[in-house]
Protein backbone atom coordinates (compact mmCIF):
# COMPACT_ATOMS: atom_id res chain seq x y z
CA MET A 1 0.12 0.19 0.13
CA THR A 2 1.14 3.42 -1.49
CA HIS A 3 1.10 6.48 0.66
CA GLN A 4 1.50 10.09 -0.72
CA ALA A 5 2.84 12.12 2.38
CA LYS A 6 0.34 14.80 3.71
CA LYS A 7 1.83 18.32 3.65
CA SER A 8 -0.78 19.71 6.16
CA MET A 9 0.13 17.23 8.49
CA GLY A 10 4.25 18.19 8.55
CA GLN A 11 4.97 14.56 7.14
CA ASN A 12 8.58 13.70 6.03
CA PHE A 13 9.58 9.91 6.30
CA LEU A 14 12.65 9.31 8.06
CA LYS A 15 14.70 6.96 5.86
CA SER A 16 18.45 7.26 7.44
CA LYS A 17 19.22 3.61 9.04
CA GLU A 18 22.15 5.60 11.31
CA ALA A 19 19.23 8.17 12.89
CA LEU A 20 17.17 5.64 13.62
CA PHE A 21 19.91 3.81 15.81
CA LYS A 22 21.42 7.01 16.91
CA MET A 23 17.55 7.42 18.10
CA CYS A 24 17.64 4.27 19.90
CA GLU A 25 20.36 4.65 21.43
CA ALA A 26 19.85 7.92 22.91
CA SER A 27 17.41 6.59 24.52
CA SER A 28 18.87 3.96 25.91
CA LEU A 29 16.30 1.72 25.36
CA HIS A 30 16.07 -1.63 27.57
CA ASP A 31 13.59 -4.61 27.16
CA LYS A 32 11.34 -2.99 30.31
CA ASP A 33 10.57 0.22 28.46
CA VAL A 34 7.54 1.38 27.76
CA VAL A 35 7.75 3.90 24.97
CA VAL A 36 5.53 6.75 23.29
CA GLU A 37 5.91 7.48 19.69
CA ILE A 38 4.67 10.44 17.72
CA GLY A 39 3.49 10.40 14.20
CA PRO A 40 5.18 6.47 13.37
CA GLY A 41 4.67 7.44 9.50
CA LYS A 42 5.15 3.72 7.72
CA GLY A 43 6.66 2.55 10.60
CA ALA A 44 10.66 2.38 10.06
CA LEU A 45 11.57 3.96 13.81
CA THR A 46 8.58 1.78 15.27
CA GLU A 47 10.55 -1.56 13.96
CA LYS A 48 13.55 -0.63 15.79
CA LEU A 49 11.36 0.35 19.05
CA LEU A 50 9.92 -2.79 19.36
CA GLU A 51 13.26 -4.74 18.99
CA LYS A 52 14.15 -2.98 21.93
CA ALA A 53 11.36 -1.65 23.81
CA LEU A 54 9.00 -3.60 26.51
CA GLN A 55 6.18 -2.06 24.35
CA VAL A 56 5.53 0.56 21.91
CA ILE A 57 1.81 2.83 21.91
CA ALA A 58 2.47 4.86 18.61
CA VAL A 59 0.15 7.32 18.12
CA GLU A 60 -0.91 8.52 15.05
CA LYS A 61 -3.27 10.68 13.39
CA ASP A 62 -3.20 10.18 10.01
CA ARG A 63 -6.25 7.09 9.14
CA ASP A 64 -4.29 6.13 6.15
CA LEU A 65 -0.93 5.55 7.68
CA ILE A 66 -2.98 3.33 10.47
CA GLU A 67 -4.09 0.87 7.81
CA ILE A 68 -0.31 0.54 6.65
CA LEU A 69 0.50 0.42 10.17
CA ASN A 70 -1.88 -2.41 11.42
CA GLU A 71 -1.15 -4.26 8.18
CA LYS A 72 2.71 -3.79 8.69
CA PHE A 73 2.52 -4.73 12.19
CA LYS A 74 -0.02 -7.38 12.92
CA SER A 75 2.00 -9.71 15.19
CA GLU A 76 2.73 -7.27 17.21
CA ILE A 77 -0.84 -5.44 17.64
CA LYS A 78 -2.12 -8.93 18.33
CA ASN A 79 0.00 -9.67 21.38
CA LYS A 80 -0.17 -6.18 22.82
CA LYS A 81 3.87 -5.06 22.51
CA LEU A 82 1.89 -2.22 20.28
CA ILE A 83 -0.50 0.03 20.87
CA LEU A 84 -1.71 1.60 17.75
CA LEU A 85 -3.94 4.85 18.46
CA ASN A 86 -5.37 6.64 15.92
CA GLU A 87 -5.45 10.16 17.32
CA ASP A 88 -3.68 13.79 18.09
CA ILE A 89 -0.79 13.16 20.26
CA LEU A 90 -1.80 16.71 22.16
CA SER A 91 -4.98 14.97 23.00
CA PHE A 92 -2.80 11.80 24.21
CA ASP A 93 -3.42 10.80 28.01
CA PRO A 94 -1.07 9.05 29.77
CA LYS A 95 -3.10 7.95 32.85
CA LYS A 96 -5.03 6.03 30.16
CA PHE A 97 -1.96 3.72 29.77
CA ASN A 98 -1.39 3.10 33.41
CA LEU A 99 1.99 5.36 32.58
CA LYS A 100 3.48 7.12 35.53
CA GLU A 101 5.39 9.59 36.32
CA GLY A 102 9.19 8.93 34.45
CA GLY A 103 7.82 5.58 33.94
CA TYR A 104 7.92 5.66 29.68
CA LYS A 105 10.36 7.39 26.99
CA ILE A 106 9.11 9.45 24.00
CA VAL A 107 10.65 8.70 20.97
CA ALA A 108 9.44 10.60 17.52
CA ASN A 109 10.32 12.00 14.36
CA ILE A 110 8.45 15.13 15.03
CA PRO A 111 6.01 17.48 12.35
CA TYR A 112 7.89 20.93 12.43
CA ASN A 113 4.65 22.40 12.75
CA ILE A 114 3.90 21.53 16.56
CA THR A 115 7.49 20.71 18.19
CA GLY A 116 7.27 23.32 20.56
CA LEU A 117 3.77 22.58 21.36
CA ILE A 118 4.55 18.70 21.70
CA ILE A 119 7.67 19.72 24.17
CA ARG A 120 5.74 22.04 26.17
CA ARG A 121 2.82 19.76 26.27
CA PHE A 122 4.83 16.23 27.41
CA LEU A 123 7.39 18.49 29.75
CA SER A 124 4.64 20.55 31.88
CA GLU A 125 2.11 17.07 31.79
CA THR A 126 1.66 15.78 35.13
CA ILE A 127 3.02 12.65 34.40
CA LYS A 128 6.10 13.20 32.62
CA PRO A 129 8.05 10.69 30.64
CA ILE A 130 11.21 9.92 32.33
CA SER A 131 13.28 11.05 28.59
CA MET A 132 12.72 12.46 25.15
CA THR A 133 14.14 11.63 21.97
CA LEU A 134 13.28 13.83 19.31
CA LEU A 135 14.17 14.54 15.77
CA VAL A 136 13.55 18.12 15.27
CA GLN A 137 14.71 20.88 13.18
CA LYS A 138 18.25 21.84 13.14
CA GLU A 139 17.45 25.48 13.82
CA VAL A 140 15.43 24.88 16.87
CA ALA A 141 18.19 22.17 18.32
CA GLU A 142 20.36 24.06 18.55
CA ARG A 143 18.21 26.69 19.95
CA ILE A 144 17.55 24.20 22.83
CA ILE A 145 20.78 23.59 23.41
CA ALA A 146 21.66 27.72 23.49
CA ARG A 147 24.21 26.49 20.97
CA ASP A 148 25.44 30.07 20.77
CA ASN A 149 25.29 30.52 24.06
CA LYS A 150 22.22 32.86 23.61
CA GLU A 151 19.75 31.57 26.04
CA SER A 152 15.63 31.96 25.07
CA ILE A 153 12.16 31.20 25.95
CA LEU A 154 12.53 27.71 24.33
CA SER A 155 15.84 26.59 25.65
CA LEU A 156 15.33 27.93 29.70
CA SER A 157 11.09 26.15 28.85
CA VAL A 158 13.53 22.83 28.20
CA LYS A 159 15.82 23.28 30.86
CA VAL A 160 13.94 23.90 33.98
CA TYR A 161 12.74 20.67 33.47
CA GLY A 162 15.81 18.06 31.99
CA GLU A 163 19.07 17.71 30.38
CA PRO A 164 18.85 18.43 26.57
CA LYS A 165 21.65 17.32 24.66
CA TYR A 166 22.53 17.49 21.04
CA ILE A 167 23.04 14.08 19.25
CA MET A 168 23.59 14.64 15.82
CA LYS A 169 22.97 16.50 12.52
CA VAL A 170 20.20 15.15 9.96
CA HIS A 171 21.03 15.98 6.07
CA LYS A 172 17.02 17.23 4.69
CA ARG A 173 18.20 14.25 2.00
CA PHE A 174 17.28 11.60 4.38
CA PHE A 175 13.73 12.16 4.31
CA SER A 176 10.87 11.51 1.91
CA PRO A 177 10.05 14.10 0.46
CA SER A 178 12.86 16.04 1.34
CA PRO A 179 12.11 19.39 3.65
CA LYS A 180 13.83 22.91 3.00
CA VAL A 181 15.91 22.72 6.11
CA ASP A 182 18.24 19.87 8.01
CA SER A 183 17.22 17.95 11.39
CA ALA A 184 18.93 17.42 13.97
CA ILE A 185 18.25 14.48 16.64
CA ILE A 186 18.06 16.20 20.32
CA HIS A 187 17.48 14.30 24.09
CA ILE A 188 16.51 15.44 26.94
CA GLY A 189 17.29 13.72 29.85
CA ASN A 190 16.33 13.39 33.61
CA ILE A 191 12.98 15.02 33.08
CA GLY A 192 11.28 15.73 36.52
CA ASN A 193 10.26 18.77 38.28
CA LYS A 194 13.01 19.53 40.51
CA TYR A 195 12.70 23.45 40.26
CA PHE A 196 8.94 23.73 41.04
CA LYS A 197 7.45 22.44 44.57
CA ASN A 198 3.79 23.20 43.11
CA LYS A 199 1.99 24.96 39.79
CA ASN A 200 2.03 28.30 41.66
CA GLU A 201 6.30 28.36 41.46
CA GLU A 202 5.59 26.63 37.98
CA ASP A 203 3.90 29.79 36.73
CA THR A 204 5.53 32.09 38.29
CA PHE A 205 9.32 31.17 36.65
CA PHE A 206 7.03 31.28 33.12
CA GLN A 207 5.59 34.63 34.00
CA MET A 208 8.98 35.81 34.55
CA ILE A 209 10.98 34.51 31.28
CA LYS A 210 8.34 35.61 29.14
CA SER A 211 8.11 39.10 30.57
CA SER A 212 12.28 39.19 30.32
CA PHE A 213 12.07 38.06 26.26
CA ALA A 214 8.97 40.61 25.62
CA HIS A 215 10.86 43.43 23.85
CA LYS A 216 13.96 42.22 22.49
CA ARG A 217 15.57 45.83 22.16
CA LYS A 218 15.20 46.32 25.80
CA VAL A 219 17.62 45.22 28.29
CA LEU A 220 16.55 42.74 30.93
CA ARG A 221 15.84 44.95 34.12
CA LYS A 222 13.53 47.09 32.21
CA ASN A 223 11.45 43.87 30.61
CA LEU A 224 11.54 42.56 33.85
CA LEU A 225 9.49 46.07 35.26
CA ASP A 226 6.91 44.37 33.81
CA PHE A 227 6.98 41.12 36.30
CA GLU A 228 8.04 43.01 39.36
CA LYS A 229 6.89 46.49 39.35
CA ASN A 230 9.21 47.26 42.21
CA SER A 231 12.78 48.54 40.01
CA GLN A 232 14.38 48.85 43.86
CA LYS A 233 13.98 44.97 44.70
CA ILE A 234 15.27 44.47 40.83
CA ASP A 235 18.30 46.08 41.40
CA LYS A 236 18.84 44.49 44.71
CA PHE A 237 18.43 41.08 43.04
CA PHE A 238 21.09 42.26 40.29
CA THR A 239 23.57 43.47 42.76
CA LYS A 240 23.34 40.36 44.83
CA LEU A 241 24.00 37.77 41.88
CA ASP A 242 26.36 40.23 40.25
CA ILE A 243 24.63 41.07 37.17
CA ASP A 244 25.28 43.53 35.01
CA SER A 245 22.28 45.98 34.66
CA LYS A 246 22.63 46.81 31.16
CA VAL A 247 22.44 43.21 30.11
CA ARG A 248 20.01 41.54 27.38
CA ALA A 249 17.77 38.39 28.88
CA GLU A 250 19.69 36.00 26.18
CA ASP A 251 23.16 36.98 27.60
CA ILE A 252 22.28 35.27 30.79
CA ASN A 253 22.92 31.86 31.48
CA PHE A 254 20.40 29.08 33.01
CA ASP A 255 22.03 28.68 36.25
CA LYS A 256 22.36 32.79 36.49
CA TRP A 257 18.32 32.29 36.12
CA ILE A 258 17.51 30.12 38.67
CA GLN A 259 19.18 32.05 41.05
CA LEU A 260 17.27 35.36 39.83
CA TYR A 261 14.17 33.39 39.88
CA ASN A 262 14.59 32.30 43.61
CA CYS A 263 15.17 35.55 44.44
CA PHE A 264 11.82 36.60 43.27
CA LEU A 265 10.60 33.71 45.18
CA GLN A 266 11.91 34.48 48.27
CA LYS A 267 10.94 38.43 48.03
C-alpha cells in the first residue's frame, strides 16, 4: 500500500538507518521500557523501537497510515507489544495507559509545525516521561541547547525540566519528501520538576521569563518591570547576583536564571 506524504500534517518520512540507530541509542532503550512514539508514519522507527522496548504506544493522526501500520505490525498489535492509536498526540492522556511519572520514554520524528507544542505539552504534563529523544528542525535543536550561548524562552523552558543534549545532524536528503531544512536529533534526559514545589512556582517562572524576553531591544532590567513593579527590588537582586544592569535576557545563562527566580520566590 503506497502513501503520499501529506504536507498539511508535516509528514517527512525518515529513511536514514544511522539516524534510526542513533535515536534508539540516545534513548538507552531496554526490554523493560514503555515507549510513546509520536507520528510513526510508515513504521521505520517503530520497527527499531519494538526490537528494544517492552511495549510501544504509537500515536498516529493520519487514518491512511493507521491502515498501513495495522498491516505491517499485525502480530505485534495482536500480542499487545504495539498499541496503535489513531488520535492527535496533543490529546494523548498517559493515565489511560497506566503510565506513571518517569515511567515511559518518548522517541519520535516530530512534525516541525507542532514541535514547540509537543515539547511544552509533555514537559509540563503531570505524568512526565523520563526522557524525550526527538528528531526536530536543526535550528530548533540548536536553540534548545543554546549552541551560540544565547538563551531563549524555548531553551529555558526545556532546561528547567530536563537536560538537553545535541546528538547529531540529519541532512534533509535523508527524508522523503525532502524538507527545505536539515534536522537534528536531541535527547532531553532526567526530566522532572526539581525546581518547582507547586503549580504556582511553575507559573511564576514562566511569567518571569516571558516578561524578560518580551521586548528584544530592551535590556533585561527594563523587561522585568512588567513582572516586578518594584525597581529597587530588581536592582537589589541584580547586585546580589552580580548581574550587569545593561545585560539582555539572552545573555544570562540558565544557572543564573534559576538564582534570579529563587530571589523572586523569596521576595
